[in-house]
Amino acid sequence: SLFKMESPWEMFKAILKGYKEQAVEKNQPFGFVFEFFEMEILKQEERQEMSTEQEDVDKEEAILNTQMTLSDESMRKKRKGAKNLRFDVMLKKKECFEKKAEYWKKAEGRATEG
């Protein structure tokens, strides 16, 4: 514990615990102020646990929101055509556009022939 830097909060908890153990050994009352601090420490730890749980929930929601946002973006990209797409997707789109253009050129050629 010498090399590990403890936070002031942890040091305060350790000191308070030491005082309480001494009071119990000597059969003396712990004291109102010390009891108050002990209750505040418990409240703070509960708040900290709740905040970490809330952070976990927020992270999960953020992941889900990110996925939904990504799917929204992909829908928007589909509507825009080949603009702002990944390279491999763009190539597929380009090939598709070229095939359609080729088809229509052939169709126009057939229309003028007949």
Protein backbone atom coordinates (compact mmCIF):
# COMPACT_ATOMS: atom_id res chain seq x y z
CA SER A 1 0.00 0.00 0.00
CA LEU A 2 3.05 2.28 0.23
CA PHE A 3 3.57 2.47 -3.52
CA LYS A 4 -0.11 2.76 -4.36
CA MET A 5 -1.39 6.33 -4.24
CA GLU A 6 -4.73 6.40 -2.47
CA SER A 7 -7.28 9.08 -3.05
CA PRO A 8 -8.05 11.46 -0.16
CA TRP A 9 -11.48 9.86 0.01
CA GLU A 10 -9.98 6.40 0.59
CA MET A 11 -7.54 7.79 3.17
CA PHE A 12 -10.40 9.49 5.04
CA LYS A 13 -12.40 6.25 5.05
CA ALA A 14 -9.38 4.34 6.43
CA ILE A 15 -8.80 6.92 9.19
CA LEU A 16 -12.48 6.89 10.13
CA LYS A 17 -12.45 3.09 10.24
CA GLY A 18 -9.38 3.19 12.54
CA TYR A 19 -11.11 5.61 14.93
CA LYS A 20 -14.19 3.41 15.01
CA GLU A 21 -12.13 0.29 15.79
CA GLN A 22 -10.35 2.13 18.63
CA ALA A 23 -13.69 3.30 20.06
CA VAL A 24 -15.08 -0.24 19.94
CA GLU A 25 -11.95 -1.66 21.63
CA LYS A 26 -12.18 0.89 24.46
CA ASN A 27 -15.98 0.53 24.76
CA GLN A 28 -16.39 4.25 24.10
CA PRO A 29 -19.13 5.85 22.02
CA PHE A 30 -18.09 6.48 18.45
CA GLY A 31 -19.35 10.06 18.47
CA PHE A 32 -22.02 11.92 16.55
CA VAL A 33 -19.63 13.61 14.12
CA PHE A 34 -17.96 10.32 13.19
CA GLU A 35 -21.35 8.62 12.74
CA PHE A 36 -22.41 11.52 10.52
CA PHE A 37 -19.29 11.13 8.37
CA GLU A 38 -19.85 7.38 8.18
CA MET A 39 -23.42 7.91 6.94
CA GLU A 40 -22.22 10.48 4.39
CA ILE A 41 -19.60 8.04 3.12
CA LEU A 42 -22.28 5.37 2.65
CA LYS A 43 -24.53 7.85 0.82
CA GLN A 44 -21.66 8.94 -1.41
CA GLU A 45 -20.78 5.34 -2.27
CA GLU A 46 -24.42 4.60 -3.13
CA ARG A 47 -24.53 7.70 -5.35
CA GLN A 48 -21.31 6.61 -7.01
CA GLU A 49 -22.66 3.10 -7.66
CA MET A 50 -25.87 4.53 -9.09
CA SER A 51 -23.92 6.91 -11.32
CA THR A 52 -21.69 4.08 -12.62
CA GLU A 53 -24.80 1.97 -13.31
CA GLN A 54 -26.36 4.95 -15.08
CA GLU A 55 -23.16 5.42 -17.10
CA ASP A 56 -23.33 1.77 -18.18
CA VAL A 57 -26.96 2.21 -19.24
CA ASP A 58 -26.06 5.43 -21.05
CA LYS A 59 -23.22 3.65 -22.87
CA GLU A 60 -25.57 0.87 -23.98
CA GLU A 61 -28.12 3.43 -25.17
CA ALA A 62 -25.38 5.34 -26.97
CA ILE A 63 -24.31 2.16 -28.77
CA LEU A 64 -27.91 1.50 -29.83
CA ASN A 65 -28.39 5.13 -30.88
CA THR A 66 -25.17 4.97 -32.89
CA GLN A 67 -26.40 1.86 -34.68
CA MET A 68 -29.74 3.53 -35.41
CA THR A 69 -27.98 6.67 -36.62
CA LEU A 70 -25.75 4.60 -38.88
CA SER A 71 -28.77 2.83 -40.36
CA ASP A 72 -30.44 6.24 -40.92
CA GLU A 73 -27.31 7.47 -42.67
CA SER A 74 -27.18 4.40 -44.89
CA MET A 75 -30.82 5.01 -45.82
CA ARG A 76 -30.00 8.62 -46.69
CA LYS A 77 -27.01 7.48 -48.74
CA LYS A 78 -29.17 5.04 -50.67
CA ARG A 79 -31.52 7.86 -51.60
CA LYS A 80 -28.66 10.07 -52.77
CA GLY A 81 -27.32 7.52 -55.22
CA ALA A 82 -23.57 6.99 -55.44
CA LYS A 83 -22.62 10.14 -53.53
CA ASN A 84 -20.83 9.72 -50.15
CA LEU A 85 -20.64 5.94 -50.22
CA ARG A 86 -17.83 3.57 -49.40
CA PHE A 87 -15.57 2.79 -52.33
CA ASP A 88 -16.69 -0.84 -52.79
CA VAL A 89 -20.36 0.11 -52.61
CA MET A 90 -19.73 2.96 -55.02
CA LEU A 91 -18.18 0.57 -57.54
CA LYS A 92 -21.24 -1.70 -57.35
CA LYS A 93 -23.53 1.30 -57.82
CA LYS A 94 -21.43 2.53 -60.74
CA GLU A 95 -21.59 -0.90 -62.40
CA CYS A 96 -25.34 -0.92 -61.91
CA PHE A 97 -25.69 2.56 -63.43
CA GLU A 98 -23.51 1.57 -66.38
CA LYS A 99 -25.56 -1.58 -67.04
CA LYS A 100 -28.79 0.42 -66.96
CA ALA A 101 -27.33 3.05 -69.31
CA GLU A 102 -26.14 0.31 -71.65
CA TYR A 103 -29.60 -1.30 -71.61
CA TRP A 104 -31.33 1.97 -72.45
CA LYS A 105 -28.86 2.74 -75.24
CA LYS A 106 -29.58 -0.69 -76.74
CA ALA A 107 -33.31 -0.11 -76.30
CA GLU A 108 -33.04 3.25 -78.09
CA GLY A 109 -31.06 1.58 -80.86
CA ARG A 110 -33.78 -1.06 -81.28
CA ALA A 111 -36.44 1.63 -81.37
CA THR A 112 -34.69 3.51 -84.21
CA GLU A 113 -34.03 0.30 -86.17
CA GLY A 114 -37.64 -0.87 -86.12
